[in-house]
C-alpha atoms as a PDB file:
ATOM      1  CA  MET A   1    -144.620 -21.440 -78.231  1.00  0.00           C
ATOM      2  CA  PRO A   2    -146.273 -24.409 -79.683  1.00  0.00           C
ATOM      3  CA  PRO A   3    -145.853 -27.538 -77.347  1.00  0.00           C
ATOM      4  CA  SER A   4    -142.797 -30.445 -79.171  1.00  0.00           C
ATOM      5  CA  PRO A   5    -145.051 -33.527 -80.079  1.00  0.00           C
ATOM      6  CA  GLY A   6    -144.856 -36.607 -77.832  1.00  0.00           C
ATOM      7  CA  PRO A   7    -146.579 -39.074 -75.991  1.00  0.00           C
ATOM      8  CA  ALA A   8    -149.736 -37.232 -74.445  1.00  0.00           C
ATOM      9  CA  THR A   9    -150.806 -38.050 -70.854  1.00  0.00           C
ATOM     10  CA  CYS A  10    -152.731 -35.431 -69.369  1.00  0.00           C
ATOM     11  CA  VAL A  11    -156.602 -35.464 -69.755  1.00  0.00           C
ATOM     12  CA  ALA A  12    -158.776 -33.265 -72.036  1.00  0.00           C
ATOM     13  CA  PRO A  13    -160.091 -30.453 -70.389  1.00  0.00           C
ATOM     14  CA  THR A  14    -163.737 -29.818 -69.510  1.00  0.00           C
ATOM     15  CA  ASP A  15    -165.596 -27.417 -71.780  1.00  0.00           C
ATOM     16  CA  ALA A  16    -165.454 -24.458 -68.933  1.00  0.00           C
ATOM     17  CA  ALA A  17    -161.522 -25.361 -68.440  1.00  0.00           C
ATOM     18  CA  GLU A  18    -161.330 -25.107 -71.979  1.00  0.00           C
ATOM     19  CA  ALA A  19    -162.491 -21.922 -72.777  1.00  0.00           C
ATOM     20  CA  GLU A  20    -160.563 -20.354 -70.180  1.00  0.00           C
ATOM     21  CA  LEU A  21    -157.283 -21.760 -71.534  1.00  0.00           C
ATOM     22  CA  LEU A  22    -158.623 -20.779 -75.022  1.00  0.00           C
ATOM     23  CA  LEU A  23    -158.758 -17.261 -73.819  1.00  0.00           C
ATOM     24  CA  ARG A  24    -155.204 -17.247 -72.322  1.00  0.00           C
ATOM     25  CA  ALA A  25    -153.662 -18.781 -74.691  1.00  0.00           C
ATOM     26  CA  ALA A  26    -155.153 -16.163 -77.622  1.00  0.00           C
ATOM     27  CA  ALA A  27    -153.811 -14.054 -75.437  1.00  0.00           C
ATOM     28  CA  GLY A  28    -150.194 -15.492 -75.581  1.00  0.00           C
ATOM     29  CA  ASP A  29    -150.012 -17.634 -72.207  1.00  0.00           C
ATOM     30  CA  SER A  30    -147.750 -20.598 -73.595  1.00  0.00           C
ATOM     31  CA  GLU A  31    -148.364 -23.037 -70.565  1.00  0.00           C
ATOM     32  CA  ALA A  32    -152.163 -22.382 -71.202  1.00  0.00           C
ATOM     33  CA  PHE A  33    -151.763 -23.612 -75.144  1.00  0.00           C
ATOM     34  CA  GLU A  34    -149.593 -26.457 -74.371  1.00  0.00           C
ATOM     35  CA  ALA A  35    -152.011 -27.599 -71.722  1.00  0.00           C
ATOM     36  CA  LEU A  36    -154.521 -27.082 -74.284  1.00  0.00           C
ATOM     37  CA  VAL A  37    -153.179 -29.077 -77.480  1.00  0.00           C
ATOM     38  CA  LEU A  38    -151.174 -31.813 -75.330  1.00  0.00           C
ATOM     39  CA  PRO A  39    -154.286 -34.241 -74.870  1.00  0.00           C
ATOM     40  CA  HIS A  40    -154.598 -34.363 -78.572  1.00  0.00           C
ATOM     41  CA  LEU A  41    -151.265 -34.331 -79.995  1.00  0.00           C
ATOM     42  CA  PRO A  42    -151.857 -38.204 -80.720  1.00  0.00           C
ATOM     43  CA  LEU A  43    -155.149 -37.409 -82.579  1.00  0.00           C
ATOM     44  CA  PHE A  44    -153.148 -34.517 -84.445  1.00  0.00           C
ATOM     45  CA  HIS A  45    -150.501 -36.498 -85.181  1.00  0.00           C
ATOM     46  CA  HIS A  46    -152.397 -39.616 -86.323  1.00  0.00           C
ATOM     47  CA  GLY A  47    -154.097 -37.866 -88.917  1.00  0.00           C
ATOM     48  CA  ILE A  48    -151.038 -35.977 -90.239  1.00  0.00           C
ATOM     49  CA  LEU A  49    -149.099 -39.163 -90.860  1.00  0.00           C
ATOM     50  CA  ARG A  50    -152.281 -40.482 -92.372  1.00  0.00           C
ATOM     51  CA  ILE A  51    -151.626 -38.041 -95.363  1.00  0.00           C
ATOM     52  CA  LEU A  52    -148.050 -37.925 -95.471  1.00  0.00           C
ATOM     53  CA  GLY A  53    -147.297 -41.540 -94.617  1.00  0.00           C
ATOM     54  CA  ASN A  54    -143.419 -40.811 -93.359  1.00  0.00           C
ATOM     55  CA  THR A  55    -143.099 -40.179 -89.871  1.00  0.00           C
ATOM     56  CA  ALA A  56    -140.472 -37.828 -90.104  1.00  0.00           C
ATOM     57  CA  ASP A  57    -142.259 -35.499 -92.288  1.00  0.00           C
ATOM     58  CA  ALA A  58    -145.302 -36.007 -89.734  1.00  0.00           C
ATOM     59  CA  GLN A  59    -143.367 -34.607 -87.173  1.00  0.00           C
ATOM     60  CA  ASP A  60    -142.122 -31.431 -89.232  1.00  0.00           C
ATOM     61  CA  ALA A  61    -145.612 -30.449 -90.818  1.00  0.00           C
ATOM     62  CA  LEU A  62    -147.448 -31.455 -87.096  1.00  0.00           C
ATOM     63  CA  GLN A  63    -144.433 -28.618 -85.703  1.00  0.00           C
ATOM     64  CA  ASN A  64    -146.650 -26.234 -88.401  1.00  0.00           C
ATOM     65  CA  ALA A  65    -149.531 -27.111 -87.702  1.00  0.00           C
ATOM     66  CA  LEU A  66    -149.413 -26.402 -83.865  1.00  0.00           C
ATOM     67  CA  LEU A  67    -147.547 -22.665 -84.901  1.00  0.00           C
ATOM     68  CA  ALA A  68    -150.719 -22.018 -87.337  1.00  0.00           C
ATOM     69  CA  ILE A  69    -153.010 -22.949 -84.165  1.00  0.00           C
ATOM     70  CA  TYR A  70    -151.139 -20.819 -81.816  1.00  0.00           C
ATOM     71  CA  GLN A  71    -151.182 -18.056 -84.467  1.00  0.00           C
ATOM     72  CA  ASP A  72    -155.111 -18.576 -85.467  1.00  0.00           C
ATOM     73  CA  LEU A  73    -156.221 -18.965 -81.491  1.00  0.00           C
ATOM     74  CA  ALA A  74    -157.859 -15.522 -81.830  1.00  0.00           C
ATOM     75  CA  ALA A  75    -159.634 -16.295 -84.713  1.00  0.00           C
ATOM     76  CA  PHE A  76    -161.469 -19.242 -82.962  1.00  0.00           C
ATOM     77  CA  GLN A  77    -164.951 -19.067 -82.728  1.00  0.00           C
ATOM     78  CA  ALA A  78    -165.910 -21.573 -80.494  1.00  0.00           C
ATOM     79  CA  ARG A  79    -168.399 -22.704 -83.035  1.00  0.00           C
ATOM     80  CA  SER A  80    -167.016 -26.349 -82.668  1.00  0.00           C
ATOM     81  CA  ARG A  81    -165.164 -28.206 -80.146  1.00  0.00           C
ATOM     82  CA  PHE A  82    -161.042 -26.739 -80.416  1.00  0.00           C
ATOM     83  CA  SER A  83    -160.100 -30.305 -81.296  1.00  0.00           C
ATOM     84  CA  SER A  84    -162.145 -30.691 -84.438  1.00  0.00           C
ATOM     85  CA  TRP A  85    -161.286 -27.073 -85.334  1.00  0.00           C
ATOM     86  CA  ALA A  86    -157.750 -27.604 -84.750  1.00  0.00           C
ATOM     87  CA  TYR A  87    -157.348 -31.279 -86.493  1.00  0.00           C
ATOM     88  CA  ARG A  88    -158.632 -29.625 -89.626  1.00  0.00           C
ATOM     89  CA  ILE A  89    -155.673 -26.796 -89.374  1.00  0.00           C
ATOM     90  CA  CYS A  90    -153.618 -30.530 -88.939  1.00  0.00           C
ATOM     91  CA  ILE A  91    -154.681 -32.019 -91.739  1.00  0.00           C
ATOM     92  CA  ASN A  92    -154.365 -28.948 -93.807  1.00  0.00           C
ATOM     93  CA  ALA A  93    -151.012 -28.436 -92.733  1.00  0.00           C
ATOM     94  CA  ALA A  94    -150.455 -31.585 -93.676  1.00  0.00           C
ATOM     95  CA  LEU A  95    -151.509 -30.836 -97.393  1.00  0.00           C
ATOM     96  CA  MET A  96    -149.340 -27.861 -97.538  1.00  0.00           C
ATOM     97  CA  PHE A  97    -146.370 -29.556 -95.875  1.00  0.00           C
ATOM     98  CA  ARG A  98    -146.914 -32.170 -99.053  1.00  0.00           C
ATOM     99  CA  ARG A  99    -146.978 -29.587-101.963  1.00  0.00           C
ATOM    100  CA  SER A 100    -144.164 -27.253-100.418  1.00  0.00           C
ATOM    101  CA  LYS A 101    -142.064 -30.736-101.109  1.00  0.00           C
ATOM    102  CA  ALA A 102    -143.482 -31.402-104.220  1.00  0.00           C
ATOM    103  CA  ARG A 103    -143.429 -34.831-103.461  1.00  0.00           C
ATOM    104  CA  PHE A 104    -147.176 -35.359-105.684  1.00  0.00           C
ATOM    105  CA  ARG A 105    -146.913 -36.100-109.338  1.00  0.00           C
ATOM    106  CA  GLU A 106    -149.194 -37.780-111.490  1.00  0.00           C
ATOM    107  CA  ASP A 107    -149.902 -41.594-111.412  1.00  0.00           C
ATOM    108  CA  SER A 108    -150.032 -43.240-114.762  1.00  0.00           C
ATOM    109  CA  MET A 109    -153.091 -44.610-115.568  1.00  0.00           C
ATOM    110  CA  ASP A 110    -151.188 -47.698-116.825  1.00  0.00           C
ATOM    111  CA  GLU A 111    -149.710 -47.840-113.181  1.00  0.00           C
ATOM    112  CA  CYS A 112    -151.867 -50.080-112.048  1.00  0.00           C
ATOM    113  CA  SER A 113    -151.909 -53.274-113.619  1.00  0.00           C
ATOM    114  CA  GLY A 114    -153.872 -55.583-113.337  1.00  0.00           C
ATOM    115  CA  LEU A 115    -157.405 -53.879-112.452  1.00  0.00           C
ATOM    116  CA  GLY A 116    -159.015 -53.737-115.774  1.00  0.00           C
ATOM    117  CA  ARG A 117    -160.289 -50.455-117.546  1.00  0.00           C
ATOM    118  CA  PHE A 118    -162.521 -47.656-116.550  1.00  0.00           C
ATOM    119  CA  ASP A 119    -164.597 -44.834-117.820  1.00  0.00           C
ATOM    120  CA  ASP A 120    -163.679 -41.214-117.652  1.00  0.00           C
ATOM    121  CA  ARG A 121    -165.681 -41.275-114.281  1.00  0.00           C
ATOM    122  CA  GLY A 122    -163.207 -43.695-112.654  1.00  0.00           C
ATOM    123  CA  HIS A 123    -166.310 -46.604-113.043  1.00  0.00           C
ATOM    124  CA  HIS A 124    -164.808 -50.334-113.401  1.00  0.00           C
ATOM    125  CA  LEU A 125    -165.650 -51.522-116.740  1.00  0.00           C
ATOM    126  CA  ASP A 126    -165.478 -55.233-116.175  1.00  0.00           C
ATOM    127  CA  THR A 127    -167.525 -55.991-112.960  1.00  0.00           C
ATOM    128  CA  ARG A 128    -166.657 -59.432-112.838  1.00  0.00           C
ATOM    129  CA  ASP A 129    -163.241 -58.139-111.444  1.00  0.00           C
ATOM    130  CA  SER A 130    -164.977 -56.042-108.991  1.00  0.00           C
ATOM    131  CA  LEU A 131    -165.874 -55.913-105.484  1.00  0.00           C
ATOM    132  CA  ARG A 132    -168.203 -53.624-104.104  1.00  0.00           C
ATOM    133  CA  TRP A 133    -167.266 -51.760-101.064  1.00  0.00           C
ATOM    134  CA  SER A 134    -169.841 -52.426 -98.866  1.00  0.00           C
ATOM    135  CA  GLU A 135    -168.894 -56.238 -98.887  1.00  0.00           C
ATOM    136  CA  GLU A 136    -164.979 -55.444 -97.850  1.00  0.00           C
ATOM    137  CA  ALA A 137    -167.304 -53.117 -94.869  1.00  0.00           C
ATOM    138  CA  GLN A 138    -168.920 -56.444 -93.920  1.00  0.00           C
ATOM    139  CA  ALA A 139    -165.597 -58.505 -94.440  1.00  0.00           C
ATOM    140  CA  LEU A 140    -164.263 -55.551 -92.195  1.00  0.00           C
ATOM    141  CA  ALA A 141    -167.058 -55.886 -89.293  1.00  0.00           C
ATOM    142  CA  GLU A 142    -166.194 -59.762 -89.452  1.00  0.00           C
ATOM    143  CA  ALA A 143    -162.590 -59.647 -88.686  1.00  0.00           C
ATOM    144  CA  GLU A 144    -160.673 -59.024 -85.503  1.00  0.00           C
ATOM    145  CA  ARG A 145    -160.402 -55.010 -85.164  1.00  0.00           C
ATOM    146  CA  ARG A 146    -156.774 -54.818 -84.303  1.00  0.00           C
ATOM    147  CA  GLN A 147    -155.469 -57.452 -87.332  1.00  0.00           C
ATOM    148  CA  MET A 148    -157.854 -55.495 -89.643  1.00  0.00           C
ATOM    149  CA  ARG A 149    -156.872 -52.435 -88.668  1.00  0.00           C
ATOM    150  CA  GLU A 150    -152.871 -53.299 -89.180  1.00  0.00           C
ATOM    151  CA  CYS A 151    -154.003 -54.907 -92.613  1.00  0.00           C
ATOM    152  CA  LEU A 152    -155.524 -51.166 -93.634  1.00  0.00           C
ATOM    153  CA  VAL A 153    -152.444 -49.109 -92.453  1.00  0.00           C
ATOM    154  CA  ALA A 154    -150.794 -51.839 -94.890  1.00  0.00           C
ATOM    155  CA  ALA A 155    -152.844 -51.399 -97.713  1.00  0.00           C
ATOM    156  CA  LEU A 156    -152.497 -47.292 -97.552  1.00  0.00           C
ATOM    157  CA  ASP A 157    -149.372 -47.861 -97.234  1.00  0.00           C
ATOM    158  CA  ALA A 158    -148.774 -49.841-100.817  1.00  0.00           C
ATOM    159  CA  LEU A 159    -150.932 -47.109-102.566  1.00  0.00           C
ATOM    160  CA  PRO A 160    -149.267 -44.818-104.700  1.00  0.00           C
ATOM    161  CA  GLU A 161    -149.508 -41.183-102.959  1.00  0.00           C
ATOM    162  CA  GLY A 162    -152.089 -39.575-105.079  1.00  0.00           C
ATOM    163  CA  GLN A 163    -154.377 -42.443-104.515  1.00  0.00           C
ATOM    164  CA  ARG A 164    -153.549 -42.727-100.689  1.00  0.00           C
ATOM    165  CA  VAL A 165    -153.936 -39.248 -99.776  1.00  0.00           C
ATOM    166  CA  VAL A 166    -157.387 -38.874-101.762  1.00  0.00           C
ATOM    167  CA  PHE A 167    -158.514 -42.049 -99.836  1.00  0.00           C
ATOM    168  CA  VAL A 168    -157.825 -40.853 -96.641  1.00  0.00           C
ATOM    169  CA  LEU A 169    -159.101 -37.537 -97.084  1.00  0.00           C
ATOM    170  CA  LYS A 170    -162.854 -39.089 -98.640  1.00  0.00           C
ATOM    171  CA  ASP A 171    -163.223 -42.428 -96.429  1.00  0.00           C
ATOM    172  CA  LEU A 172    -161.098 -41.567 -93.365  1.00  0.00           C
ATOM    173  CA  GLU A 173    -161.868 -37.890 -93.283  1.00  0.00           C
ATOM    174  CA  ASP A 174    -165.480 -37.438 -95.126  1.00  0.00           C
ATOM    175  CA  TRP A 175    -164.293 -34.714 -96.849  1.00  0.00           C
ATOM    176  CA  SER A 176    -166.486 -33.926 -99.958  1.00  0.00           C
ATOM    177  CA  THR A 177    -165.163 -34.677-103.833  1.00  0.00           C
ATOM    178  CA  GLU A 178    -164.951 -30.446-104.325  1.00  0.00           C
ATOM    179  CA  GLU A 179    -163.051 -30.016-101.375  1.00  0.00           C
ATOM    180  CA  ILE A 180    -160.382 -32.509-102.115  1.00  0.00           C
ATOM    181  CA  ALA A 181    -160.047 -31.154-105.626  1.00  0.00           C
ATOM    182  CA  GLU A 182    -160.089 -28.225-104.195  1.00  0.00           C
ATOM    183  CA  GLN A 183    -157.046 -28.389-101.941  1.00  0.00           C
ATOM    184  CA  LEU A 184    -155.117 -30.869-104.157  1.00  0.00           C
ATOM    185  CA  ALA A 185    -155.871 -28.724-107.389  1.00  0.00           C
ATOM    186  CA  GLN A 186    -157.491 -31.531-109.242  1.00  0.00           C
ATOM    187  CA  SER A 187    -160.254 -31.795-111.306  1.00  0.00           C
ATOM    188  CA  PRO A 188    -163.470 -33.886-109.282  1.00  0.00           C
ATOM    189  CA  ALA A 189    -162.781 -36.582-112.069  1.00  0.00           C
ATOM    190  CA  THR A 190    -159.442 -37.135-111.398  1.00  0.00           C
ATOM    191  CA  VAL A 191    -160.426 -37.331-107.566  1.00  0.00           C
ATOM    192  CA  ARG A 192    -163.411 -39.874-108.552  1.00  0.00           C
ATOM    193  CA  GLN A 193    -160.852 -41.628-110.198  1.00  0.00           C
ATOM    194  CA  ARG A 194    -158.086 -41.779-107.816  1.00  0.00           C
ATOM    195  CA  LEU A 195    -160.266 -42.981-105.014  1.00  0.00           C
ATOM    196  CA  HIS A 196    -162.249 -45.797-107.009  1.00  0.00           C
ATOM    197  CA  ARG A 197    -158.520 -47.367-107.888  1.00  0.00           C
ATOM    198  CA  ALA A 198    -157.529 -46.547-104.029  1.00  0.00           C
ATOM    199  CA  ARG A 199    -160.661 -48.755-102.832  1.00  0.00           C
ATOM    200  CA  LEU A 200    -160.271 -51.621-105.137  1.00  0.00           C
ATOM    201  CA  GLN A 201    -156.336 -52.103-103.940  1.00  0.00           C
ATOM    202  CA  VAL A 202    -157.634 -51.427-100.650  1.00  0.00           C
ATOM    203  CA  GLN A 203    -160.334 -53.850-100.644  1.00  0.00           C
ATOM    204  CA  GLU A 204    -158.634 -56.486-102.460  1.00  0.00           C
ATOM    205  CA  ARG A 205    -155.493 -56.351 -99.724  1.00  0.00           C
ATOM    206  CA  LEU A 206    -158.371 -56.736 -97.446  1.00  0.00           C
ATOM    207  CA  ARG A 207    -160.507 -59.462 -99.201  1.00  0.00           C
ATOM    208  CA  LEU A 208    -157.112 -61.606 -99.164  1.00  0.00           C
ATOM    209  CA  HIS A 209    -156.386 -61.058 -95.719  1.00  0.00           C
ATOM    210  CA  VAL A 210    -160.275 -62.246 -94.390  1.00  0.00           C
ATOM    211  CA  GLN A 211    -159.272 -65.275 -96.431  1.00  0.00           C
ATOM    212  CA  GLY A 212    -156.324 -65.664 -94.710  1.00  0.00           C
ATOM    213  CA  ARG A 213    -154.016 -65.315 -97.500  1.00  0.00           C
ATOM    214  CA  PRO A 214    -150.708 -63.626 -97.622  1.00  0.00           C
ATOM    215  CA  SER A 215    -151.471 -59.553 -98.381  1.00  0.00           C
END
């Protein structure tokens, strides 16, 4: 059975050792499966947590993901690293968990007050009030890494759920707009609009942080 999520202290196996563990785990060896996934549990948990934004939900979704990985091992064809393949399953498990709880709801276009007006592609119509994402990327590089990471986490937590999930999948997980739209059962235009609003709010919080103002 899949291991319980928790602190991982073991080192990831080498390619040869990983191949051996994969064969044994696919044949039903639970100890081999535990050795296979333990080094990657922090990565899996962190990816799920960024989607769900709730530790308890993330723990439940991680258990679901580990079970799915365990059951699908025979289908793994080693065209990519095991960790990459399993991580994708974890992200999908987080999205499925989110849908199963029916937590998603459409955000009102008026919910983000003070951000100005947008066209039907999510582009800001008042350029005086918008900052370019590249400018915030430069600010991100200039700021101290740990403090900026903490600020980014706080900014993500402050986003409406629909915007946070789109931002994480697009800007942190590098999914395409079409993949996100398919997974969330939304139109690509809706994904673009939510992504743009999320970027504006995140970069505004980062800007305030860099300037030393309370965020």
